[in-house]
N, C-alpha and C. Protein backbone atom coordinates (compact mmCIF):
# COMPACT_ATOMS: atom_id res chain seq x y z
N UNK A 1 0.85 -1.16 0.00
CA UNK A 1 0.00 0.00 -0.01
C UNK A 1 0.89 1.23 0.02
N UNK A 2 0.88 1.96 -1.09
CA UNK A 2 1.70 3.14 -1.27
C UNK A 2 1.12 4.28 -0.40
N UNK A 3 1.96 4.91 0.39
CA UNK A 3 1.53 5.99 1.27
C UNK A 3 2.21 7.31 0.89
N UNK A 4 1.44 8.32 0.62
CA UNK A 4 1.95 9.65 0.45
C UNK A 4 2.03 10.29 1.84
N UNK A 5 3.09 11.06 2.09
CA UNK A 5 3.29 11.67 3.38
C UNK A 5 3.23 13.20 3.23
N UNK A 6 2.47 13.79 4.13
CA UNK A 6 2.25 15.26 4.11
C UNK A 6 3.44 15.91 4.83
N UNK A 7 3.66 17.19 4.48
CA UNK A 7 4.76 17.94 5.03
C UNK A 7 4.69 18.05 6.55
N UNK A 8 3.54 18.22 7.11
CA UNK A 8 3.39 18.44 8.55
C UNK A 8 3.92 17.23 9.37
N UNK A 9 3.71 16.06 8.84
CA UNK A 9 4.19 14.82 9.51
C UNK A 9 5.72 14.80 9.53
N UNK A 10 6.33 15.11 8.37
CA UNK A 10 7.78 15.04 8.27
C UNK A 10 8.43 16.17 9.11
N UNK A 11 7.90 17.36 9.09
CA UNK A 11 8.46 18.44 9.89
C UNK A 11 8.43 18.12 11.36
N UNK A 12 7.39 17.49 11.80
CA UNK A 12 7.26 17.14 13.24
C UNK A 12 8.30 16.09 13.61
N UNK A 13 8.69 15.26 12.66
CA UNK A 13 9.70 14.24 12.91
C UNK A 13 11.10 14.86 12.80
N UNK A 14 11.33 15.67 11.78
CA UNK A 14 12.66 16.22 11.54
C UNK A 14 13.09 17.28 12.57
N UNK A 15 12.14 18.05 13.06
CA UNK A 15 12.53 19.23 13.88
C UNK A 15 12.97 18.92 15.31
N UNK A 16 12.66 17.96 16.06
CA UNK A 16 11.46 17.20 16.20
C UNK A 16 10.47 17.87 17.18
N UNK A 17 9.19 17.64 16.95
CA UNK A 17 8.15 18.16 17.80
C UNK A 17 8.06 17.32 19.09
N UNK A 18 8.05 17.92 20.28
CA UNK A 18 7.99 17.09 21.50
C UNK A 18 6.69 16.35 21.74
N UNK A 19 5.60 16.84 21.13
CA UNK A 19 4.29 16.14 21.28
C UNK A 19 4.09 15.12 20.23
N UNK A 20 4.32 15.51 18.99
CA UNK A 20 3.97 14.65 17.83
C UNK A 20 5.11 13.87 17.21
N UNK A 21 6.34 14.29 17.43
CA UNK A 21 7.50 13.71 16.70
C UNK A 21 7.61 12.21 16.78
N UNK A 22 7.57 11.66 17.96
CA UNK A 22 7.75 10.21 18.12
C UNK A 22 6.58 9.43 17.56
N UNK A 23 5.40 9.91 17.80
CA UNK A 23 4.18 9.30 17.27
C UNK A 23 4.20 9.22 15.73
N UNK A 24 4.62 10.31 15.10
CA UNK A 24 4.65 10.36 13.66
C UNK A 24 5.80 9.53 13.12
N UNK A 25 6.91 9.45 13.83
CA UNK A 25 8.01 8.59 13.39
C UNK A 25 7.55 7.14 13.35
N UNK A 26 6.82 6.72 14.38
CA UNK A 26 6.27 5.35 14.42
C UNK A 26 5.29 5.11 13.28
N UNK A 27 4.47 6.12 12.99
CA UNK A 27 3.46 5.99 11.93
C UNK A 27 4.17 5.83 10.55
N UNK A 28 5.24 6.58 10.36
CA UNK A 28 6.02 6.44 9.13
C UNK A 28 6.55 5.02 8.98
N UNK A 29 7.12 4.51 10.08
CA UNK A 29 7.66 3.17 10.08
C UNK A 29 6.58 2.15 9.76
N UNK A 30 5.42 2.29 10.37
CA UNK A 30 4.29 1.34 10.08
C UNK A 30 3.89 1.42 8.63
N UNK A 31 3.79 2.60 8.07
CA UNK A 31 3.39 2.74 6.64
C UNK A 31 4.49 2.19 5.73
N UNK A 32 5.74 2.33 6.12
CA UNK A 32 6.82 1.83 5.30
C UNK A 32 6.78 0.32 5.25
N UNK A 33 6.34 -0.32 6.33
CA UNK A 33 6.23 -1.80 6.33
C UNK A 33 5.13 -2.30 5.36
N UNK A 34 4.15 -1.42 5.05
CA UNK A 34 3.09 -1.79 4.16
C UNK A 34 3.53 -1.79 2.69
N UNK A 35 4.37 -0.85 2.34
CA UNK A 35 4.84 -0.68 1.00
C UNK A 35 5.73 0.55 0.88
N UNK A 36 5.57 1.31 -0.18
CA UNK A 36 6.39 2.44 -0.45
C UNK A 36 5.89 3.73 0.23
N UNK A 37 6.82 4.61 0.54
CA UNK A 37 6.54 5.95 1.03
C UNK A 37 6.91 6.96 -0.06
N UNK A 38 6.03 7.94 -0.31
CA UNK A 38 6.33 8.92 -1.34
C UNK A 38 5.93 10.29 -0.82
N UNK A 39 6.56 11.30 -1.39
CA UNK A 39 6.09 12.66 -1.26
C UNK A 39 6.03 13.24 -2.67
N UNK A 40 5.18 14.24 -2.86
CA UNK A 40 5.15 14.93 -4.15
C UNK A 40 6.11 16.13 -4.09
N UNK A 41 6.37 16.67 -5.24
CA UNK A 41 7.35 17.77 -5.31
C UNK A 41 6.94 18.99 -4.47
N UNK A 42 5.63 19.33 -4.31
CA UNK A 42 5.28 20.43 -3.45
C UNK A 42 5.69 20.17 -1.98
N UNK A 43 5.60 18.95 -1.50
CA UNK A 43 6.06 18.62 -0.16
C UNK A 43 7.57 18.81 -0.07
N UNK A 44 8.27 18.35 -1.11
CA UNK A 44 9.72 18.52 -1.14
C UNK A 44 10.07 19.99 -1.07
N UNK A 45 9.35 20.83 -1.78
CA UNK A 45 9.61 22.30 -1.78
C UNK A 45 9.38 22.85 -0.37
N UNK A 46 8.32 22.46 0.30
CA UNK A 46 8.04 22.93 1.65
C UNK A 46 9.15 22.51 2.59
N UNK A 47 9.58 21.29 2.49
CA UNK A 47 10.68 20.76 3.36
C UNK A 47 11.99 21.53 3.09
N UNK A 48 12.22 21.90 1.81
CA UNK A 48 13.48 22.54 1.49
C UNK A 48 13.75 23.77 2.31
N UNK A 49 12.69 24.46 2.75
CA UNK A 49 12.84 25.69 3.53
C UNK A 49 13.56 25.40 4.86
N UNK A 50 13.57 24.16 5.31
CA UNK A 50 14.14 23.79 6.57
C UNK A 50 15.55 23.14 6.51
N UNK A 51 16.08 23.05 5.29
CA UNK A 51 17.36 22.36 5.11
C UNK A 51 18.34 23.32 4.42
N UNK A 52 19.60 23.29 4.81
CA UNK A 52 20.62 24.15 4.24
C UNK A 52 20.99 23.81 2.82
N UNK A 53 20.81 22.56 2.43
CA UNK A 53 21.26 22.11 1.07
C UNK A 53 20.37 20.93 0.65
N UNK A 54 20.22 20.80 -0.65
CA UNK A 54 19.37 19.70 -1.19
C UNK A 54 19.96 18.35 -0.79
N UNK A 55 21.31 18.18 -0.77
CA UNK A 55 21.80 16.87 -0.43
C UNK A 55 21.50 16.44 1.01
N UNK A 56 21.37 17.41 1.91
CA UNK A 56 21.00 17.02 3.28
C UNK A 56 19.55 16.58 3.35
N UNK A 57 18.66 17.23 2.62
CA UNK A 57 17.27 16.82 2.55
C UNK A 57 17.18 15.44 1.85
N UNK A 58 17.85 15.35 0.70
CA UNK A 58 17.82 14.08 -0.04
C UNK A 58 18.33 12.89 0.82
N UNK A 59 19.35 13.17 1.62
CA UNK A 59 19.92 12.08 2.45
C UNK A 59 18.94 11.63 3.50
N UNK A 60 18.27 12.57 4.16
CA UNK A 60 17.32 12.13 5.21
C UNK A 60 16.13 11.40 4.59
N UNK A 61 15.69 11.85 3.41
CA UNK A 61 14.57 11.18 2.75
C UNK A 61 15.00 9.75 2.35
N UNK A 62 16.22 9.58 1.85
CA UNK A 62 16.71 8.28 1.45
C UNK A 62 16.84 7.37 2.68
N UNK A 63 17.30 7.91 3.78
CA UNK A 63 17.44 7.14 5.05
C UNK A 63 16.08 6.59 5.47
N UNK A 64 15.05 7.36 5.32
CA UNK A 64 13.69 6.92 5.69
C UNK A 64 13.08 6.02 4.61
N UNK A 65 13.55 6.17 3.40
CA UNK A 65 13.01 5.38 2.29
C UNK A 65 11.86 6.09 1.58
N UNK A 66 11.90 7.43 1.58
CA UNK A 66 10.87 8.18 0.94
C UNK A 66 11.32 8.63 -0.48
N UNK A 67 10.48 8.34 -1.47
CA UNK A 67 10.74 8.72 -2.80
C UNK A 67 10.00 10.02 -3.16
N UNK A 68 10.57 10.83 -4.02
CA UNK A 68 9.92 12.07 -4.47
C UNK A 68 9.33 11.81 -5.83
N UNK A 69 8.05 12.18 -5.97
CA UNK A 69 7.33 11.96 -7.24
C UNK A 69 6.77 13.29 -7.74
N UNK A 70 6.59 13.45 -9.06
CA UNK A 70 5.90 14.63 -9.54
C UNK A 70 4.40 14.44 -9.37
N UNK A 71 3.70 15.54 -9.36
CA UNK A 71 2.19 15.47 -9.35
C UNK A 71 1.81 15.19 -10.82
N UNK A 72 1.04 14.15 -11.04
CA UNK A 72 0.62 13.83 -12.40
C UNK A 72 -0.43 14.81 -12.88
N UNK A 73 -0.71 14.76 -14.15
CA UNK A 73 -1.75 15.64 -14.67
C UNK A 73 -3.09 15.35 -14.01
N UNK A 74 -3.37 14.03 -13.79
CA UNK A 74 -4.64 13.68 -13.16
C UNK A 74 -4.68 14.21 -11.72
N UNK A 75 -3.55 14.15 -10.98
CA UNK A 75 -3.48 14.70 -9.65
C UNK A 75 -3.65 16.21 -9.66
N UNK A 76 -2.98 16.88 -10.60
CA UNK A 76 -3.10 18.33 -10.68
C UNK A 76 -4.56 18.75 -11.05
N UNK A 77 -5.18 17.98 -11.90
CA UNK A 77 -6.56 18.29 -12.29
C UNK A 77 -7.48 18.15 -11.07
N UNK A 78 -7.27 17.05 -10.32
CA UNK A 78 -8.10 16.81 -9.13
C UNK A 78 -7.87 17.95 -8.11
N UNK A 79 -6.64 18.41 -7.99
CA UNK A 79 -6.32 19.50 -7.12
C UNK A 79 -7.08 20.81 -7.52
N UNK A 80 -7.00 21.11 -8.82
CA UNK A 80 -7.66 22.27 -9.30
C UNK A 80 -9.20 22.27 -9.12
N UNK A 81 -9.78 21.12 -9.38
CA UNK A 81 -11.22 20.98 -9.18
C UNK A 81 -11.62 21.10 -7.70
N UNK A 82 -10.83 20.49 -6.83
CA UNK A 82 -11.11 20.60 -5.37
C UNK A 82 -10.94 22.03 -4.89
N UNK A 83 -9.90 22.76 -5.38
CA UNK A 83 -9.68 24.10 -4.99
C UNK A 83 -10.86 24.96 -5.42
N UNK A 84 -11.30 24.82 -6.66
CA UNK A 84 -12.44 25.59 -7.19
C UNK A 84 -13.71 25.35 -6.37
N UNK A 85 -13.98 24.07 -6.10
CA UNK A 85 -15.18 23.74 -5.36
C UNK A 85 -15.14 24.34 -3.96
N UNK A 86 -13.99 24.29 -3.32
CA UNK A 86 -13.87 24.88 -1.99
C UNK A 86 -14.02 26.38 -2.00
N UNK A 87 -13.45 27.04 -2.99
CA UNK A 87 -13.58 28.52 -3.10
C UNK A 87 -15.03 28.90 -3.38
N UNK A 88 -15.69 28.17 -4.27
CA UNK A 88 -17.10 28.48 -4.55
C UNK A 88 -17.99 28.27 -3.36
N UNK A 89 -17.59 27.34 -2.46
CA UNK A 89 -18.42 27.08 -1.25
C UNK A 89 -18.06 28.06 -0.14
N UNK A 90 -17.13 28.96 -0.35
CA UNK A 90 -16.74 29.90 0.66
C UNK A 90 -15.76 29.37 1.65
N UNK A 91 -15.03 28.31 1.32
CA UNK A 91 -14.09 27.69 2.22
C UNK A 91 -12.93 28.63 2.63
N UNK A 92 -12.22 28.22 3.64
CA UNK A 92 -11.13 28.97 4.22
C UNK A 92 -10.12 29.37 3.12
N UNK A 93 -9.91 30.66 2.94
CA UNK A 93 -9.01 31.15 1.91
C UNK A 93 -7.55 31.10 2.30
N UNK A 94 -7.26 30.65 3.53
CA UNK A 94 -5.83 30.51 3.91
C UNK A 94 -5.24 29.23 3.29
N UNK A 95 -6.05 28.35 2.80
CA UNK A 95 -5.55 27.13 2.12
C UNK A 95 -4.98 27.56 0.78
N UNK A 96 -3.74 27.12 0.53
CA UNK A 96 -3.07 27.46 -0.72
C UNK A 96 -3.09 26.28 -1.64
N UNK A 97 -2.76 26.54 -2.91
CA UNK A 97 -2.78 25.47 -3.92
C UNK A 97 -1.88 24.29 -3.58
N UNK A 98 -0.79 24.54 -2.85
CA UNK A 98 0.05 23.44 -2.42
C UNK A 98 -0.70 22.37 -1.65
N UNK A 99 -1.58 22.79 -0.76
CA UNK A 99 -2.38 21.83 0.00
C UNK A 99 -3.22 20.95 -0.93
N UNK A 100 -3.78 21.58 -1.97
CA UNK A 100 -4.63 20.85 -2.91
C UNK A 100 -3.76 19.95 -3.81
N UNK A 101 -2.54 20.34 -4.18
CA UNK A 101 -1.69 19.51 -4.96
C UNK A 101 -1.26 18.26 -4.15
N UNK A 102 -1.04 18.42 -2.86
CA UNK A 102 -0.68 17.29 -2.02
C UNK A 102 -1.86 16.32 -2.00
N UNK A 103 -3.09 16.82 -1.85
CA UNK A 103 -4.25 15.94 -1.83
C UNK A 103 -4.50 15.31 -3.17
N UNK A 104 -4.36 16.09 -4.25
CA UNK A 104 -4.56 15.50 -5.60
C UNK A 104 -3.56 14.41 -5.90
N UNK A 105 -2.32 14.62 -5.52
CA UNK A 105 -1.28 13.61 -5.71
C UNK A 105 -1.63 12.34 -4.98
N UNK A 106 -2.00 12.50 -3.68
CA UNK A 106 -2.31 11.33 -2.84
C UNK A 106 -3.53 10.60 -3.43
N UNK A 107 -4.53 11.33 -3.85
CA UNK A 107 -5.75 10.71 -4.39
C UNK A 107 -5.47 9.90 -5.66
N UNK A 108 -4.65 10.44 -6.54
CA UNK A 108 -4.42 9.76 -7.83
C UNK A 108 -3.23 8.86 -7.93
N UNK A 109 -2.25 9.06 -6.98
CA UNK A 109 -0.99 8.35 -7.11
C UNK A 109 -0.66 7.42 -5.93
N UNK A 110 -1.42 7.48 -4.86
CA UNK A 110 -1.14 6.64 -3.69
C UNK A 110 -2.43 5.95 -3.21
N UNK A 111 -2.26 5.12 -2.23
CA UNK A 111 -3.43 4.42 -1.65
C UNK A 111 -3.94 5.16 -0.40
N UNK A 112 -3.02 5.97 0.20
CA UNK A 112 -3.47 6.69 1.40
C UNK A 112 -2.51 7.86 1.60
N UNK A 113 -2.93 8.80 2.46
CA UNK A 113 -2.14 9.94 2.82
C UNK A 113 -1.95 9.99 4.31
N UNK A 114 -0.70 10.09 4.74
CA UNK A 114 -0.38 10.21 6.16
C UNK A 114 -0.29 11.72 6.46
N UNK A 115 -1.22 12.21 7.25
CA UNK A 115 -1.31 13.69 7.50
C UNK A 115 -1.99 13.93 8.83
N UNK A 116 -1.74 15.08 9.42
CA UNK A 116 -2.51 15.45 10.59
C UNK A 116 -3.62 16.45 10.20
N UNK A 117 -3.85 16.60 8.92
CA UNK A 117 -4.88 17.47 8.39
C UNK A 117 -6.05 16.66 7.83
N UNK A 118 -6.41 15.63 8.58
CA UNK A 118 -7.43 14.67 8.12
C UNK A 118 -8.71 15.34 7.65
N UNK A 119 -9.27 16.24 8.43
CA UNK A 119 -10.55 16.86 8.09
C UNK A 119 -10.54 17.55 6.74
N UNK A 120 -9.50 18.32 6.51
CA UNK A 120 -9.37 19.05 5.26
C UNK A 120 -9.33 18.09 4.05
N UNK A 121 -8.41 17.10 4.12
CA UNK A 121 -8.28 16.21 2.98
C UNK A 121 -9.51 15.31 2.80
N UNK A 122 -10.11 14.85 3.84
CA UNK A 122 -11.32 14.05 3.66
C UNK A 122 -12.46 14.85 3.05
N UNK A 123 -12.56 16.11 3.47
CA UNK A 123 -13.64 16.97 2.97
C UNK A 123 -13.41 17.32 1.50
N UNK A 124 -12.18 17.66 1.14
CA UNK A 124 -11.94 18.11 -0.23
C UNK A 124 -11.63 17.01 -1.20
N UNK A 125 -11.23 15.85 -0.75
CA UNK A 125 -10.84 14.74 -1.63
C UNK A 125 -11.57 13.48 -1.22
N UNK A 126 -12.87 13.44 -1.41
CA UNK A 126 -13.67 12.28 -1.11
C UNK A 126 -13.07 11.04 -1.71
N UNK A 127 -13.04 9.99 -0.95
CA UNK A 127 -12.47 8.73 -1.47
C UNK A 127 -11.02 8.57 -1.07
N UNK A 128 -10.34 9.63 -0.65
CA UNK A 128 -8.95 9.53 -0.20
C UNK A 128 -8.90 8.99 1.21
N UNK A 129 -8.15 7.92 1.39
CA UNK A 129 -7.97 7.39 2.73
C UNK A 129 -6.87 8.21 3.43
N UNK A 130 -7.22 8.79 4.56
CA UNK A 130 -6.31 9.67 5.27
C UNK A 130 -6.00 9.00 6.62
N UNK A 131 -4.69 8.82 6.89
CA UNK A 131 -4.25 8.21 8.13
C UNK A 131 -3.71 9.35 9.00
N UNK A 132 -4.33 9.53 10.16
CA UNK A 132 -3.86 10.57 11.07
C UNK A 132 -3.45 9.89 12.41
N UNK A 133 -2.16 9.77 12.65
CA UNK A 133 -1.71 9.19 13.90
C UNK A 133 -2.14 10.04 15.10
N UNK A 134 -2.41 9.35 16.19
CA UNK A 134 -2.79 10.05 17.40
C UNK A 134 -1.71 9.85 18.47
N UNK A 135 -1.14 10.94 18.97
CA UNK A 135 -0.11 10.86 20.02
C UNK A 135 -0.69 10.14 21.23
N UNK A 136 0.15 9.30 21.85
CA UNK A 136 -0.26 8.57 23.08
C UNK A 136 -0.90 7.26 22.76
N UNK A 137 -1.05 6.91 21.45
CA UNK A 137 -1.64 5.59 21.10
C UNK A 137 -0.65 4.76 20.40
């Protein structure tokens, strides 16, 4: 089962977050046992802001076993349609296209998305399985 990983999960592991870091590290390991872990290029771009050089980011992703994939045309189309639908419904305008590209990629290219933004992705991308680890469990 191919798992797409959202930026928020990885940042909480890399930085590390005292509340979520360990829980999310275990969730990544569990998903890795199921099959492949992937991130799309927008997640890579968001992570790049926290690393001094591409080789250090690439090394940590390789250590975890995370592959970087482009967003397919089908994923980008799903992102655009979800963005438009949310805007027309008066949804939160703080959501940027990157959030929708992450959802579109996961919907079209993976079996599930590991994220702590479960409500947003489930609402905007019906049919997408979203795994949200819970600290303390």
